[in-house]
Protein backbone atom coordinates (compact mmCIF):
# COMPACT_ATOMS: atom_id res chain seq x y z
CA MET A 1 20.00 -192.02 11.06
CA LYS A 2 17.10 -193.21 9.50
CA LEU A 3 13.54 -192.09 9.21
CA VAL A 4 10.34 -192.26 8.02
CA TYR A 5 8.67 -188.86 7.79
CA LEU A 6 4.70 -188.95 7.19
CA VAL A 7 3.25 -185.46 5.59
CA GLN A 8 -0.40 -185.23 4.53
CA TYR A 9 0.65 -182.21 2.29
CA PHE A 10 4.03 -181.11 0.50
CA PHE A 11 5.02 -178.50 -1.87
CA PRO A 12 3.66 -177.48 -4.28
CA GLU A 13 0.58 -177.71 -2.98
CA LYS A 14 -1.06 -174.68 -0.88
CA ALA A 15 -1.63 -175.59 3.21
CA SER A 16 -0.21 -173.82 6.10
CA GLY A 17 3.04 -175.15 8.00
CA LEU A 18 4.71 -176.54 4.32
CA GLN A 19 7.70 -174.09 5.13
CA LEU A 20 8.12 -175.94 8.93
CA VAL A 21 8.11 -179.18 6.66
CA GLU A 22 10.71 -177.85 4.33
CA ASP A 23 12.59 -176.76 6.90
CA LEU A 24 12.85 -179.67 9.08
CA LEU A 25 13.84 -181.78 6.28
CA GLU A 26 16.76 -179.19 5.58
CA GLY A 27 17.75 -179.63 9.59
CA PHE A 28 17.37 -183.56 9.28
CA SER A 29 19.80 -183.70 6.08
CA THR A 30 22.41 -181.22 7.72
CA CYS A 31 22.42 -183.54 10.75
CA GLY A 32 23.30 -186.13 8.18
CA TRP A 33 20.27 -188.25 8.94
CA ARG A 34 18.11 -189.95 5.80
CA THR A 35 14.51 -189.06 5.73
CA ASP A 36 11.85 -191.07 3.21
CA VAL A 37 9.05 -188.70 3.30
CA PHE A 38 5.48 -190.18 2.20
CA THR A 39 3.16 -187.97 0.80
CA PRO A 40 0.31 -187.98 -1.70
CA MET A 41 0.10 -186.64 -5.42
CA PRO A 42 -0.55 -182.67 -4.77
CA THR A 43 -4.00 -181.80 -5.21
CA ARG A 44 -4.66 -178.69 -3.06
CA GLY A 45 -5.00 -175.00 -4.56
CA ILE A 46 -2.84 -176.43 -7.64
CA THR A 47 -2.48 -175.20 -10.77
CA LYS A 48 -3.72 -177.75 -14.06
CA GLU A 49 -0.16 -177.37 -15.03
CA GLN A 50 1.30 -178.57 -11.87
CA ARG A 51 -1.57 -181.87 -11.47
CA LYS A 52 -0.33 -182.89 -14.36
CA GLU A 53 3.82 -182.39 -14.00
CA PHE A 54 2.89 -184.55 -10.77
CA THR A 55 0.83 -187.25 -12.63
CA HIS A 56 3.91 -189.64 -12.74
CA LYS A 57 6.15 -188.14 -10.93
CA THR A 58 6.09 -190.38 -7.82
CA VAL A 59 9.67 -190.44 -6.49
CA GLU A 60 11.69 -186.93 -6.04
CA VAL A 61 15.41 -186.64 -4.26
CA LYS A 62 16.62 -183.33 -2.90
CA TYR A 63 19.49 -182.49 -0.27
CA GLY A 64 22.18 -184.66 -1.93
CA GLY A 65 20.15 -187.57 -1.63
CA LYS A 66 19.23 -187.52 1.82
CA VAL A 67 15.61 -186.43 1.37
CA VAL A 68 13.73 -188.87 -0.66
CA ILE A 69 9.74 -187.98 -1.09
CA HIS A 70 7.66 -190.74 -1.96
CA ARG A 71 4.69 -189.37 -3.73
CA MET A 72 1.14 -191.83 -3.59
CA HIS A 73 -1.66 -191.86 -5.52
CA LEU A 74 -5.04 -191.31 -4.14
CA TYR A 75 -8.62 -189.92 -4.17
CA ARG A 76 -8.50 -186.42 -4.96
CA GLU A 77 -9.23 -184.02 -2.59
CA GLY A 78 -12.23 -181.98 -2.71
CA LYS A 79 -14.30 -179.33 -0.46
CA ASN A 80 -16.94 -182.36 0.43
CA PHE A 81 -16.35 -183.40 3.55
CA ILE A 82 -17.41 -186.95 3.06
CA GLY A 83 -14.57 -187.34 0.03
CA ARG A 84 -11.79 -185.24 2.18
CA ALA A 85 -12.61 -188.27 5.20
CA ILE A 86 -12.55 -191.32 2.28
CA ARG A 87 -9.03 -189.74 1.48
CA TYR A 88 -7.57 -189.35 5.17
CA VAL A 89 -8.64 -192.97 5.40
CA LEU A 90 -6.97 -193.95 2.36
CA PHE A 91 -3.88 -191.83 3.28
CA SER A 92 -3.77 -193.41 6.76
CA LEU A 93 -4.01 -197.40 5.43
CA GLU A 94 -0.72 -196.26 2.90
CA CYS A 95 1.16 -194.89 5.65
CA PHE A 96 0.51 -197.83 7.99
CA TRP A 97 2.27 -200.18 5.48
CA LYS A 98 5.29 -197.60 4.78
CA ALA A 99 5.71 -196.92 8.17
CA ALA A 100 5.11 -200.37 9.33
CA THR A 101 7.48 -202.02 6.29
CA VAL A 102 10.16 -198.99 5.15
CA PRO A 103 13.72 -199.49 7.74
CA ALA A 104 14.10 -196.63 10.15
CA ASP A 105 15.12 -195.93 13.22
CA PHE A 106 12.43 -193.59 14.23
CA ILE A 107 8.94 -192.33 12.59
CA PHE A 108 8.02 -189.16 12.34
CA THR A 109 4.20 -187.58 11.93
CA GLY A 110 2.07 -184.70 12.60
CA SER A 111 -1.18 -184.50 13.94
CA GLY A 112 -3.09 -184.15 10.68
CA PRO A 113 -5.47 -186.29 9.79
CA PRO A 114 -6.49 -187.38 13.34
CA THR A 115 -6.12 -190.87 12.42
CA GLN A 116 -2.12 -190.45 11.91
CA GLY A 117 -1.49 -191.16 15.75
CA VAL A 118 -3.47 -194.39 15.30
CA VAL A 119 -1.53 -195.13 12.63
CA VAL A 120 2.10 -194.57 14.53
CA GLY A 121 1.11 -196.15 17.59
CA LEU A 122 0.16 -199.43 15.82
CA VAL A 123 3.34 -199.67 13.91
CA LYS A 124 5.01 -198.39 17.25
CA LYS A 125 3.42 -201.57 19.20
CA MET A 126 3.83 -204.22 15.97
CA THR A 127 7.36 -203.17 15.09
CA GLY A 128 8.78 -201.22 18.17
CA LYS A 129 9.95 -198.48 16.08
CA LYS A 130 10.41 -195.19 18.03
CA VAL A 131 7.60 -192.64 17.01
CA ILE A 132 8.11 -188.74 17.45
CA TYR A 133 4.28 -187.09 17.35
CA ASN A 134 4.64 -183.31 16.13
CA LEU A 135 1.03 -182.30 17.53
CA GLN A 136 -0.30 -179.05 15.53
CA ASP A 137 -3.51 -179.88 16.69
CA ILE A 138 -5.87 -180.91 19.33
CA PHE A 139 -8.47 -184.10 18.17
CA PRO A 140 -11.10 -184.48 19.04
CA ASP A 141 -11.28 -180.86 21.04
CA SER A 142 -11.41 -179.12 17.78
CA LEU A 143 -14.59 -180.67 16.69
CA VAL A 144 -16.38 -179.54 20.04
CA THR A 145 -15.14 -176.44 20.02
CA SER A 146 -15.74 -175.55 16.15
CA GLY A 147 -19.52 -176.80 17.41
CA ILE A 148 -18.75 -179.78 14.76
CA SER A 149 -19.80 -182.13 17.11
CA ARG A 150 -21.34 -182.67 20.80
CA GLU A 151 -18.64 -183.47 23.86
CA ASN A 152 -20.73 -186.98 24.17
CA SER A 153 -21.55 -187.81 20.53
CA PHE A 154 -20.48 -190.88 19.03
CA LEU A 155 -17.99 -189.12 17.00
CA ILE A 156 -16.26 -187.60 20.03
CA LYS A 157 -16.12 -190.77 22.09
CA ILE A 158 -14.45 -192.40 19.23
CA GLY A 159 -11.94 -189.64 18.71
CA ARG A 160 -11.27 -189.25 23.08
CA VAL A 161 -9.97 -192.92 22.26
CA MET A 162 -7.90 -192.47 19.31
CA GLU A 163 -6.34 -189.80 21.40
CA ASN A 164 -5.60 -191.96 24.17
CA PHE A 165 -4.29 -194.72 22.12
CA THR A 166 -1.87 -191.87 20.13
CA TYR A 167 -0.51 -190.06 23.59
CA ARG A 168 0.03 -193.61 25.26
CA ASN A 169 1.90 -195.52 22.45
CA VAL A 170 4.57 -193.01 20.68
CA ASP A 171 7.86 -192.31 22.50
CA HIS A 172 7.39 -188.28 22.69
CA ILE A 173 5.04 -185.21 21.95
CA ILE A 174 6.41 -182.41 20.78
CA THR A 175 3.54 -179.51 20.86
CA ILE A 176 3.67 -175.94 19.76
CA THR A 177 2.23 -173.96 22.96
CA ASP A 178 1.60 -174.16 26.54
CA ASP A 179 -1.70 -174.34 26.58
CA MET A 180 -1.37 -177.18 23.99
CA ARG A 181 0.80 -178.76 26.60
CA ASP A 182 -1.18 -177.82 29.57
CA ASN A 183 -4.44 -179.90 27.75
CA ILE A 184 -2.84 -183.29 27.03
CA ILE A 185 -1.07 -182.94 30.91
CA LYS A 186 -4.67 -183.08 32.42
CA LYS A 187 -5.43 -186.09 29.70
CA GLY A 188 -2.81 -188.10 31.74
CA VAL A 189 0.47 -187.50 29.47
CA PRO A 190 3.23 -187.29 31.64
CA LYS A 191 5.04 -184.15 31.39
CA GLU A 192 8.39 -185.42 30.70
CA LYS A 193 6.90 -187.06 27.51
CA ILE A 194 6.15 -183.50 26.00
CA THR A 195 8.55 -180.94 24.49
CA VAL A 196 7.19 -177.35 23.76
CA ILE A 197 8.53 -175.64 20.63
CA ARG A 198 7.14 -172.75 19.07
CA ASN A 199 6.47 -173.04 15.14
CA TRP A 200 9.00 -170.55 13.44
CA ILE A 201 9.67 -167.86 10.47
CA ASP A 202 12.85 -167.66 8.58
CA THR A 203 13.35 -163.70 9.28
CA ASP A 204 15.70 -163.88 6.59
CA VAL A 205 13.43 -165.12 4.01
CA VAL A 206 10.40 -163.23 5.19
CA LYS A 207 10.82 -159.41 5.47
CA PRO A 208 9.24 -156.07 5.23
CA ILE A 209 8.80 -154.71 1.33
CA LEU A 210 8.34 -150.66 1.25
CA ARG A 211 4.69 -150.18 -0.50
CA ALA A 212 6.40 -148.12 -3.13
CA LYS A 213 8.53 -151.81 -4.23
CA ASN A 214 5.67 -153.69 -3.79
CA ASN A 215 4.92 -155.29 -6.78
CA LEU A 216 1.67 -157.01 -5.95
CA PHE A 217 -0.46 -153.84 -5.82
CA ASP A 218 0.84 -153.13 -9.80
CA GLU A 219 -0.33 -157.23 -10.75
CA LEU A 220 -3.64 -156.55 -8.97
CA SER A 221 -4.23 -153.04 -9.91
CA LEU A 222 -4.67 -151.84 -6.44
CA SER A 223 -4.28 -148.44 -5.43
CA ARG A 224 -1.39 -147.37 -3.04
CA ASP A 225 -3.21 -144.89 -0.80
CA LYS A 226 -5.36 -147.28 0.92
CA PHE A 227 -5.60 -148.64 3.97
CA TYR A 228 -5.48 -152.17 3.65
CA VAL A 229 -6.42 -154.87 5.96
CA VAL A 230 -5.84 -158.01 5.25
CA TYR A 231 -6.62 -161.97 6.27
CA ALA A 232 -4.19 -164.73 4.11
CA GLY A 233 -4.93 -168.69 5.15
CA ASN A 234 -7.21 -171.37 5.03
CA LEU A 235 -10.89 -170.32 4.36
CA GLY A 236 -12.03 -173.41 6.72
CA LYS A 237 -14.89 -173.30 9.45
CA VAL A 238 -12.19 -173.32 12.27
CA GLN A 239 -10.81 -169.91 10.94
CA GLY A 240 -13.95 -167.73 11.19
CA VAL A 241 -13.13 -165.20 8.27
CA GLU A 242 -16.82 -164.07 7.81
CA VAL A 243 -15.84 -161.82 10.78
CA MET A 244 -13.91 -159.69 8.31
CA LEU A 245 -16.78 -159.44 5.76
CA LYS A 246 -19.04 -158.52 8.89
CA THR A 247 -16.83 -156.08 10.28
CA ALA A 248 -16.29 -154.77 6.35
CA SER A 249 -19.81 -154.53 6.21
CA LEU A 250 -19.75 -151.23 9.29
CA LEU A 251 -17.52 -149.70 6.95
CA LYS A 252 -18.86 -149.63 3.57
CA GLU A 253 -19.00 -145.83 3.77
CA ASN A 254 -15.13 -145.51 4.41
CA LYS A 255 -13.81 -145.49 1.18
CA ASP A 256 -10.41 -145.59 2.23
CA ILE A 257 -10.23 -148.83 4.41
CA GLN A 258 -10.14 -151.72 1.86
CA PHE A 259 -10.44 -155.62 2.85
CA VAL A 260 -8.29 -158.14 0.80
CA ILE A 261 -8.50 -161.84 1.12
CA PHE A 262 -5.93 -164.46 -0.22
CA GLY A 263 -7.54 -168.13 0.50
CA ASN A 264 -8.93 -171.09 -0.52
CA GLY A 265 -10.83 -173.74 1.32
CA SER A 266 -14.61 -175.25 2.37
CA GLU A 267 -15.89 -172.09 3.33
CA GLU A 268 -14.56 -169.70 -0.10
CA GLU A 269 -18.10 -170.05 -1.89
CA TYR A 270 -20.35 -169.22 1.14
CA LEU A 271 -17.89 -165.89 1.90
CA ARG A 272 -18.26 -164.89 -1.97
CA LYS A 273 -22.02 -165.10 -1.49
CA MET A 274 -21.68 -163.31 1.74
CA ILE A 275 -19.86 -160.79 -0.65
CA ARG A 276 -22.05 -160.37 -3.30
CA GLU A 277 -25.06 -160.59 -1.44
CA ASN A 278 -24.32 -157.83 0.86
CA GLN A 279 -22.74 -155.93 -2.03
CA LEU A 280 -19.30 -155.50 0.10
CA GLU A 281 -17.49 -153.32 -2.62
CA ASN A 282 -15.13 -152.70 0.14
CA VAL A 283 -13.88 -156.50 -0.08
CA LEU A 284 -11.65 -158.21 -2.44
CA MET A 285 -10.68 -162.17 -2.60
CA TYR A 286 -7.58 -164.07 -4.46
CA PRO A 287 -6.52 -167.45 -4.47
CA LEU A 288 -3.80 -167.91 -2.05
CA LEU A 289 -0.26 -167.47 -3.41
CA PRO A 290 2.50 -169.16 -3.89
CA VAL A 291 4.57 -169.60 -0.04
CA GLU A 292 7.72 -167.24 -1.75
CA ARG A 293 4.92 -164.93 -1.97
CA VAL A 294 4.13 -164.47 1.16
CA SER A 295 6.09 -161.19 1.90
CA GLU A 296 4.76 -159.39 -0.82
CA VAL A 297 1.12 -160.57 0.81
CA TYR A 298 1.58 -159.20 4.32
CA SER A 299 3.58 -156.30 3.60
CA MET A 300 0.51 -154.76 1.32
CA ALA A 301 -1.26 -154.57 4.65
CA ASP A 302 -1.54 -151.67 7.31
CA VAL A 303 -2.80 -154.34 9.31
CA CYS A 304 -3.61 -158.08 9.31
CA VAL A 305 -6.31 -160.19 10.62
CA ILE A 306 -6.31 -163.68 12.51
CA SER A 307 -9.36 -164.74 12.94
CA CYS A 308 -10.73 -168.37 14.69
CA THR A 309 -14.81 -169.32 15.45
CA PRO A 310 -15.58 -168.33 19.02
CA GLY A 311 -14.12 -171.62 21.08
CA THR A 312 -11.86 -173.46 18.96
CA GLY A 313 -8.38 -170.94 19.63
CA GLY A 314 -7.76 -171.80 23.14
CA SER A 315 -5.00 -173.84 22.57
CA GLY A 316 -4.31 -173.37 18.94
CA MET A 317 -1.39 -170.86 17.72
CA PRO A 318 -1.95 -170.00 13.56
CA SER A 319 1.85 -170.23 12.35
CA LYS A 320 0.60 -167.21 10.39
CA THR A 321 1.25 -164.89 13.27
CA TRP A 322 4.97 -165.63 13.06
CA THR A 323 5.12 -165.00 9.04
CA ILE A 324 3.13 -161.66 9.59
CA MET A 325 5.00 -160.39 12.32
CA ALA A 326 8.26 -161.20 10.08
CA ALA A 327 6.89 -158.68 7.39
CA GLY A 328 6.45 -156.32 10.05
CA VAL A 329 2.97 -155.97 10.11
CA PRO A 330 0.51 -155.13 12.81
CA ILE A 331 -2.16 -157.79 13.80
CA ILE A 332 -5.75 -157.58 15.45
CA ALA A 333 -6.65 -161.07 16.16
CA SER A 334 -10.10 -162.08 16.70
CA PHE A 335 -9.69 -164.75 18.40
CA ASP A 336 -10.61 -166.68 21.78
CA THR A 337 -9.45 -165.23 24.87
CA PRO A 338 -7.73 -165.95 27.10
CA SER A 339 -5.59 -167.34 24.77
CA GLU A 340 -1.65 -167.94 23.80
CA MET A 341 -2.66 -165.66 21.14
CA GLN A 342 -3.65 -162.47 23.23
CA ARG A 343 -0.79 -163.34 25.46
CA THR A 344 1.59 -163.43 22.41
CA ILE A 345 0.26 -160.15 21.01
CA ALA A 346 0.36 -158.30 24.30
CA GLU A 347 3.93 -159.48 25.56
CA ALA A 348 5.56 -158.39 21.43
CA LYS A 349 3.32 -155.01 21.75
CA CYS A 350 2.29 -155.51 18.25
CA GLY A 351 -1.57 -155.15 17.91
CA PHE A 352 -4.56 -156.14 19.38
CA CYS A 353 -6.87 -159.47 20.40
CA THR A 354 -10.85 -159.01 20.64
CA ASN A 355 -12.78 -161.70 20.98
CA ALA A 356 -13.49 -164.51 18.15
CA GLY A 357 -16.37 -163.33 16.52
CA ASP A 358 -17.34 -159.64 17.57
CA GLU A 359 -16.85 -157.55 14.43
CA LYS A 360 -17.76 -154.43 16.50
CA ALA A 361 -14.66 -155.11 18.12
CA LEU A 362 -12.59 -155.93 15.21
CA HIS A 363 -14.23 -152.26 13.45
CA GLU A 364 -13.10 -150.31 16.74
CA LYS A 365 -9.37 -151.23 16.55
CA ILE A 366 -9.18 -151.29 12.95
CA VAL A 367 -10.52 -147.91 12.71
CA PHE A 368 -8.03 -146.83 15.69
CA LEU A 369 -5.34 -147.95 13.71
CA TYR A 370 -6.37 -146.01 10.79
CA GLU A 371 -6.68 -143.01 12.88
CA ASN A 372 -3.49 -143.33 14.62
CA ASN A 373 -0.89 -143.88 12.27
CA GLN A 374 2.22 -143.23 15.00
CA LEU A 375 0.97 -146.23 17.33
CA LYS A 376 0.84 -148.65 13.84
CA GLU A 377 4.16 -148.06 12.94
CA GLN A 378 5.48 -148.74 16.52
CA PHE A 379 3.57 -151.64 16.36
CA ALA A 380 5.11 -152.81 13.01
CA GLU A 381 8.35 -152.37 14.33
CA ASN A 382 7.44 -154.26 17.39
CA ALA A 383 6.46 -157.15 15.58
CA ARG A 384 9.51 -157.72 13.35
CA LYS A 385 11.57 -157.20 16.51
CA TYR A 386 9.76 -159.99 18.31
CA ALA A 387 10.12 -162.64 15.24
CA GLU A 388 13.78 -161.90 14.71
CA GLU A 389 14.42 -162.71 18.87
CA ASN A 390 11.85 -165.25 19.73
CA VAL A 391 11.01 -167.38 16.70
CA SER A 392 13.41 -167.87 14.26
CA LYS A 393 14.21 -170.88 12.16
CA ASN A 394 17.69 -171.64 13.25
CA GLN A 395 16.81 -171.79 16.85
CA ALA A 396 13.65 -174.01 16.66
CA VAL A 397 15.23 -176.38 14.62
CA ALA A 398 18.16 -176.80 16.47
CA GLN A 399 15.60 -177.62 19.32
CA TYR A 400 13.66 -180.19 17.44
CA LEU A 401 16.93 -181.92 16.50
CA GLU A 402 18.16 -181.90 20.30
CA THR A 403 14.70 -183.46 21.45
CA ILE A 404 14.50 -185.89 18.60
CA SER A 405 18.43 -186.87 19.85
CA ARG A 406 17.57 -187.14 23.16
CA VAL A 407 14.50 -189.30 23.26
CA LEU A 408 16.49 -191.58 20.97
CA ASP A 409 19.51 -191.96 22.90
CA LYS A 410 17.27 -192.29 26.03
CA GLU A 411 15.74 -195.16 24.55
CA LYS A 412 19.09 -197.00 23.83
CA LYS A 413 20.32 -196.67 27.09
CA LEU A 414 16.79 -198.22 28.20
């Protein structure tokens, strides 16, 4: 079996979901499948040394030759919306050419950037190659819910055309939540064309680390005696991280509670400015650390925050949810309700879900756990147990392999 995998970001970049990509590639190779990965040269969250290292590293071979990564020279990604849009278009054009011309039994791609669905749909119509579409975010719904655009705007009308074209022309859609499945069924996608597979975490890699043994405290010169509220991840508009800063402002007088943010993204400078202007000495910001240090990052927390801008989290389920659980840390979500996030936290009994953007509710729950250590420890234990039993890497990757094989076998019989 030979496939083409189109990936917007890839290691050593710092972006959500990269470990999932790596785990799938490992699973594909274990099955004996040969994968050609096409991805841009790394730009997001990398060092100058890494950028220099990869300047001429256009081909990389992994997993005994079963995976070949082809890196494409593109316009460098910045924080400017127009610059990123140009990069998306160039990436899509490159992907169209590679997907159309490189021999493969099927094409596998995620939903980022939004043009990817159109690209693979066109390749499907032109070449007949099978396409498996991994839907991690529903576009253009996300533009409306985040307030970037209005439902009746020209941009959204174009987005709806792109969305419908994608769903009609791919062979199968793998999505990550029941809410996402229900969303696209309402848009006319047949139920049998959709498989729900949750994102996952390798609980053998991400584990709780005792505070006394967590070297990150020493590296950052942080006391081990404080109560830490941690956010780690993308700092974009959709993530709504400013709710943490508003909450921190309410807790200025409590010197025991410290907020720590690890991240990069379009809102980083805005958040730093907010910290300066409000003199939030109880908030520390650091760049996103390498993925291999995620256990240290989350294990330093007494509680982790997952947030979204109001209206943007209804169908989504951030992958960091499972990482935090695997690290054995309680979660307080400032998220849309009702939502899969709310239901999952309740099912796992690992924390609380407050309304998105409500700093007073977030403040209340943080203080509640600060004052109730026994409950905090129970939430932590429940989180780890839920991750081990429900979102393991091996189980999820096996579901992907089974789904892809089933779809391709069905097509062969038709």
